[in-house]
């Protein structure tokens, strides 16, 4: 508790004496919260405890800064945040702090959340990454039965959206093409949901594979005394296929 008290005093002081920190607002700090959260995810993925410790501190700083700004506005303090969180955790865990069975608690929690919403889609943040938000919206819609019944229906929907995209490309109207690409992506997220996969994680892993393979290509080209931009697409394709063979996450029949 002494460390927390001292930390709050440090944050209060930098808000008073550092021009940059003093200039910050809830709005200006939004981008830093997002950046710090992603850096924390990187530390978790790397299983790097030293980085995890540091990044948790950076995320916590964002909580402290927002709390201090709110305190200066006379709205609330960090202690109010802590008190509210404590009360919420106790209220949501009557199976821990009371004698309710765990399965009943989860059911009651979901029912209470639905009762307080005008729409089942309320509470899904607009600033979530697009794939993550798409999957969350679809999860919410499925609660009232708006969902596919089997995998074939999902695959048919994806094929249907791809055909509509092809038609839009032939027509050449950019706004229509954009619309249909969005529908294809939505259908892909539906497929991930149905297969019990997280769409955001699936794409991040694909990004990681692409990065590993492309860096391999750059390294091989350098060994050959060449730059990728000076090579033909056919030459690069040869390096790409070679990179796939050395990729530890390579799976059968994966495409380019």
Protein backbone atom coordinates (compact mmCIF):
# COMPACT_ATOMS: atom_id res chain seq x y z
CA UNK A 1 0.00 0.00 0.00
CA UNK A 2 2.94 2.34 0.65
CA UNK A 3 4.13 1.77 -2.92
CA UNK A 4 0.65 2.58 -4.29
CA UNK A 5 0.45 5.74 -2.16
CA UNK A 6 3.89 6.87 -3.34
CA UNK A 7 3.03 6.05 -6.94
CA UNK A 8 -0.13 8.17 -6.76
CA UNK A 9 1.96 11.05 -5.38
CA UNK A 10 4.45 10.66 -8.25
CA UNK A 11 1.65 10.77 -10.85
CA UNK A 12 0.14 13.84 -9.16
CA UNK A 13 3.54 15.57 -9.22
CA UNK A 14 4.32 14.86 -12.88
CA UNK A 15 0.87 16.20 -13.78
CA UNK A 16 1.81 19.44 -12.02
CA UNK A 17 5.45 19.82 -13.04
CA UNK A 18 5.91 18.10 -16.42
CA UNK A 19 4.56 20.19 -19.34
CA UNK A 20 3.89 17.10 -21.49
CA UNK A 21 2.03 15.17 -18.77
CA UNK A 22 0.14 18.30 -17.72
CA UNK A 23 -1.11 18.79 -21.28
CA UNK A 24 -2.66 15.30 -21.49
CA UNK A 25 -6.41 14.72 -21.48
CA UNK A 26 -8.60 11.62 -21.46
CA UNK A 27 -8.86 12.00 -25.24
CA UNK A 28 -5.14 12.51 -25.94
CA UNK A 29 -4.22 9.44 -23.87
CA UNK A 30 -6.51 7.07 -25.81
CA UNK A 31 -3.87 6.12 -28.38
CA UNK A 32 -1.29 5.40 -25.67
CA UNK A 33 -3.63 3.04 -23.84
CA UNK A 34 -4.12 1.08 -27.06
CA UNK A 35 -0.37 1.01 -27.78
CA UNK A 36 0.49 -0.12 -24.25
CA UNK A 37 -2.17 -2.84 -24.36
CA UNK A 38 -0.70 -4.25 -27.57
CA UNK A 39 2.83 -4.11 -26.15
CA UNK A 40 1.52 -6.08 -23.17
CA UNK A 41 0.07 -8.69 -25.54
CA UNK A 42 3.47 -8.98 -27.25
CA UNK A 43 5.15 -9.59 -23.88
CA UNK A 44 2.60 -12.31 -23.08
CA UNK A 45 3.11 -14.01 -26.46
CA UNK A 46 6.90 -13.92 -26.00
CA UNK A 47 6.53 -15.42 -22.49
CA UNK A 48 8.97 -12.73 -21.33
CA UNK A 49 8.35 -12.07 -17.62
CA UNK A 50 10.68 -9.07 -17.51
CA UNK A 51 8.81 -7.42 -20.38
CA UNK A 52 5.48 -8.53 -18.86
CA UNK A 53 6.31 -6.77 -15.60
CA UNK A 54 7.27 -3.58 -17.43
CA UNK A 55 4.26 -3.56 -19.75
CA UNK A 56 1.81 -4.21 -16.90
CA UNK A 57 3.28 -1.13 -15.24
CA UNK A 58 2.79 0.91 -18.41
CA UNK A 59 -0.87 -0.15 -18.68
CA UNK A 60 -1.35 0.61 -14.97
CA UNK A 61 0.11 4.09 -15.55
CA UNK A 62 -2.70 4.77 -17.99
CA UNK A 63 -5.24 3.92 -15.28
CA UNK A 64 -3.43 6.22 -12.83
CA UNK A 65 -3.24 9.09 -15.33
CA UNK A 66 -6.93 8.91 -16.19
CA UNK A 67 -7.79 8.71 -12.49
CA UNK A 68 -5.62 11.75 -11.71
CA UNK A 69 -7.17 13.78 -14.52
CA UNK A 70 -10.63 12.84 -13.22
CA UNK A 71 -9.55 13.86 -9.72
CA UNK A 72 -8.45 17.26 -11.01
CA UNK A 73 -11.89 17.67 -12.57
CA UNK A 74 -13.48 16.85 -9.23
CA UNK A 75 -15.12 13.73 -10.64
CA UNK A 76 -13.48 10.71 -8.95
CA UNK A 77 -10.10 9.42 -7.77
CA UNK A 78 -8.08 6.22 -8.10
CA UNK A 79 -9.51 5.07 -4.78
CA UNK A 80 -13.03 5.31 -6.22
CA UNK A 81 -11.89 3.17 -9.17
CA UNK A 82 -10.42 0.58 -6.79
CA UNK A 83 -13.53 0.60 -4.55
CA UNK A 84 -15.89 0.23 -7.52
CA UNK A 85 -13.84 -2.65 -8.93
CA UNK A 86 -13.72 -4.41 -5.55
CA UNK A 87 -17.48 -4.17 -5.15
CA UNK A 88 -18.10 -5.36 -8.72
CA UNK A 89 -15.82 -8.39 -8.29
CA UNK A 90 -17.54 -9.39 -5.05
CA UNK A 91 -20.99 -8.91 -6.57
CA UNK A 92 -20.11 -11.00 -9.64
CA UNK A 93 -18.62 -13.85 -7.60
CA UNK A 94 -21.29 -14.91 -5.08
CA UNK A 95 -20.02 -18.47 -5.57
CA UNK A 96 -16.73 -17.27 -4.05
CA UNK A 97 -17.97 -14.71 -1.50
CA UNK A 98 -21.30 -16.46 -0.87
CA UNK A 99 -22.89 -19.87 -1.35
CA UNK A 100 -24.32 -19.68 -4.89
CA UNK A 101 -23.38 -22.54 -7.32
CA UNK A 102 -20.98 -21.34 -10.04
CA UNK A 103 -23.20 -22.38 -13.00
CA UNK A 104 -26.15 -20.41 -11.58
CA UNK A 105 -23.97 -17.33 -11.14
CA UNK A 106 -22.88 -17.27 -14.80
CA UNK A 107 -26.47 -17.70 -15.99
CA UNK A 108 -27.72 -14.92 -13.69
CA UNK A 109 -24.90 -12.60 -14.78
CA UNK A 110 -25.74 -13.02 -18.47
CA UNK A 111 -29.48 -12.54 -17.80
CA UNK A 112 -28.85 -9.36 -15.78
CA UNK A 113 -26.66 -7.89 -18.52
CA UNK A 114 -29.34 -8.54 -21.15
CA UNK A 115 -32.02 -6.90 -18.98
CA UNK A 116 -30.07 -3.63 -18.72
CA UNK A 117 -29.50 -3.30 -22.49
CA UNK A 118 -31.80 -1.79 -25.08
CA UNK A 119 -30.08 -3.99 -27.65
CA UNK A 120 -28.11 -7.22 -27.24
CA UNK A 121 -25.36 -5.39 -29.16
CA UNK A 122 -25.00 -2.65 -26.52
CA UNK A 123 -21.63 -2.55 -24.82
CA UNK A 124 -19.51 -3.76 -27.74
CA UNK A 125 -16.79 -1.06 -27.99
CA UNK A 126 -16.54 0.71 -31.35
CA UNK A 127 -12.78 1.08 -30.90
CA UNK A 128 -12.12 -2.67 -30.77
CA UNK A 129 -10.04 -4.04 -33.68
CA UNK A 130 -12.45 -4.66 -36.56
CA UNK A 131 -12.18 -8.47 -36.64
CA UNK A 132 -12.55 -8.72 -32.87
CA UNK A 133 -15.57 -6.39 -32.91
CA UNK A 134 -17.17 -8.33 -35.76
CA UNK A 135 -16.86 -11.59 -33.83
CA UNK A 136 -18.22 -9.98 -30.65
CA UNK A 137 -21.22 -8.55 -32.50
CA UNK A 138 -21.94 -11.93 -34.09
CA UNK A 139 -21.62 -13.66 -30.70
CA UNK A 140 -24.17 -11.25 -29.24
CA UNK A 141 -26.58 -11.73 -32.16
CA UNK A 142 -26.36 -15.51 -31.74
CA UNK A 143 -27.76 -15.17 -28.20
CA UNK A 144 -31.21 -14.47 -29.67
CA UNK A 145 -30.86 -17.22 -32.29
CA UNK A 146 -29.57 -15.11 -35.21
CA UNK A 147 -26.93 -17.61 -36.29
CA UNK A 148 -26.16 -20.36 -38.77
CA UNK A 149 -27.33 -23.88 -37.98
CA UNK A 150 -24.43 -25.82 -39.49
CA UNK A 151 -21.01 -25.49 -41.12
CA UNK A 152 -22.35 -26.01 -44.67
CA UNK A 153 -24.54 -22.92 -44.30
CA UNK A 154 -21.51 -20.87 -43.23
CA UNK A 155 -19.39 -22.10 -46.14
CA UNK A 156 -22.24 -21.46 -48.59
CA UNK A 157 -22.58 -17.92 -47.24
CA UNK A 158 -18.86 -17.32 -47.72
CA UNK A 159 -19.01 -18.61 -51.31
CA UNK A 160 -22.07 -16.44 -51.95
CA UNK A 161 -20.28 -13.32 -50.68
CA UNK A 162 -17.21 -14.10 -52.82
CA UNK A 163 -19.41 -14.38 -55.92
CA UNK A 164 -21.04 -11.04 -55.10
CA UNK A 165 -17.57 -9.51 -54.71
CA UNK A 166 -16.55 -10.84 -58.14
CA UNK A 167 -19.65 -9.20 -59.65
CA UNK A 168 -18.87 -5.91 -57.91
CA UNK A 169 -15.30 -5.98 -59.24
CA UNK A 170 -16.63 -6.52 -62.77
CA UNK A 171 -18.93 -3.52 -62.33
CA UNK A 172 -15.95 -1.49 -61.12
CA UNK A 173 -17.83 0.72 -58.65
CA UNK A 174 -15.43 1.28 -55.75
CA UNK A 175 -18.04 1.84 -53.04
CA UNK A 176 -19.82 -1.39 -54.00
CA UNK A 177 -16.51 -3.30 -54.05
CA UNK A 178 -15.69 -2.01 -50.57
CA UNK A 179 -19.11 -3.10 -49.35
CA UNK A 180 -18.70 -6.63 -50.72
CA UNK A 181 -15.18 -7.03 -49.34
CA UNK A 182 -16.63 -6.14 -45.94
CA UNK A 183 -19.26 -8.83 -46.38
CA UNK A 184 -16.59 -11.40 -47.29
CA UNK A 185 -14.59 -10.52 -44.18
CA UNK A 186 -17.74 -10.77 -42.06
CA UNK A 187 -18.43 -14.22 -43.51
CA UNK A 188 -14.85 -15.29 -42.71
CA UNK A 189 -15.38 -14.19 -39.12
CA UNK A 190 -18.61 -16.23 -39.07
CA UNK A 191 -16.59 -19.25 -40.20
CA UNK A 192 -14.05 -18.68 -37.41
CA UNK A 193 -16.86 -18.46 -34.86
CA UNK A 194 -18.47 -21.66 -36.08
CA UNK A 195 -15.14 -23.50 -35.87
CA UNK A 196 -14.58 -22.14 -32.32
CA UNK A 197 -11.63 -20.02 -33.47
CA UNK A 198 -10.80 -16.43 -32.57
CA UNK A 199 -10.67 -14.44 -35.83
CA UNK A 200 -8.24 -11.84 -34.45
CA UNK A 201 -5.81 -14.55 -33.32
CA UNK A 202 -6.14 -16.41 -36.62
CA UNK A 203 -5.17 -13.29 -38.58
CA UNK A 204 -2.37 -12.36 -36.18
CA UNK A 205 -0.85 -15.81 -36.63
CA UNK A 206 -1.15 -15.40 -40.40
CA UNK A 207 0.58 -12.00 -40.08
CA UNK A 208 3.37 -13.61 -38.06
CA UNK A 209 3.81 -16.34 -40.69
CA UNK A 210 3.96 -13.79 -43.47
CA UNK A 211 6.54 -11.71 -41.58
CA UNK A 212 8.75 -14.72 -40.84
CA UNK A 213 8.65 -15.91 -44.43
CA UNK A 214 9.23 -12.46 -45.92
CA UNK A 215 12.19 -11.83 -43.62
CA UNK A 216 13.57 -15.21 -44.69
CA UNK A 217 13.27 -14.11 -48.31
CA UNK A 218 15.09 -10.86 -47.55
CA UNK A 219 17.89 -12.78 -45.83
CA UNK A 220 18.28 -15.28 -48.67
CA UNK A 221 18.29 -12.51 -51.28
CA UNK A 222 21.00 -10.69 -49.32
CA UNK A 223 23.07 -13.90 -49.22
CA UNK A 224 22.73 -14.03 -53.01
CA UNK A 225 23.97 -10.45 -53.24
CA UNK A 226 20.59 -9.22 -54.46
CA UNK A 227 17.77 -6.97 -53.28
CA UNK A 228 14.20 -8.26 -53.43
CA UNK A 229 13.05 -5.25 -55.43
CA UNK A 230 15.53 -6.14 -58.18
CA UNK A 231 14.24 -9.73 -58.46
CA UNK A 232 11.41 -10.96 -60.67
CA UNK A 233 8.17 -12.19 -59.15
CA UNK A 234 9.08 -15.71 -60.29
CA UNK A 235 12.42 -15.52 -58.43
CA UNK A 236 10.66 -14.25 -55.32
CA UNK A 237 8.10 -17.05 -55.55
CA UNK A 238 10.95 -19.59 -55.44
CA UNK A 239 12.28 -17.97 -52.26
CA UNK A 240 8.75 -17.84 -50.80
CA UNK A 241 8.27 -21.60 -51.33
CA UNK A 242 11.67 -22.20 -49.74
CA UNK A 243 10.68 -19.98 -46.79
CA UNK A 244 7.52 -22.05 -46.29
CA UNK A 245 9.58 -25.23 -45.96
CA UNK A 246 11.60 -23.67 -43.15
CA UNK A 247 8.58 -22.22 -41.39
CA UNK A 248 8.00 -24.10 -38.14
CA UNK A 249 4.27 -23.37 -38.30
CA UNK A 250 3.84 -24.61 -41.85
CA UNK A 251 0.64 -26.60 -42.40
CA UNK A 252 -0.31 -28.83 -45.38
CA UNK A 253 -1.81 -27.14 -48.42
CA UNK A 254 -1.35 -23.60 -47.09
CA UNK A 255 -1.42 -20.97 -49.77
CA UNK A 256 0.72 -18.02 -50.54
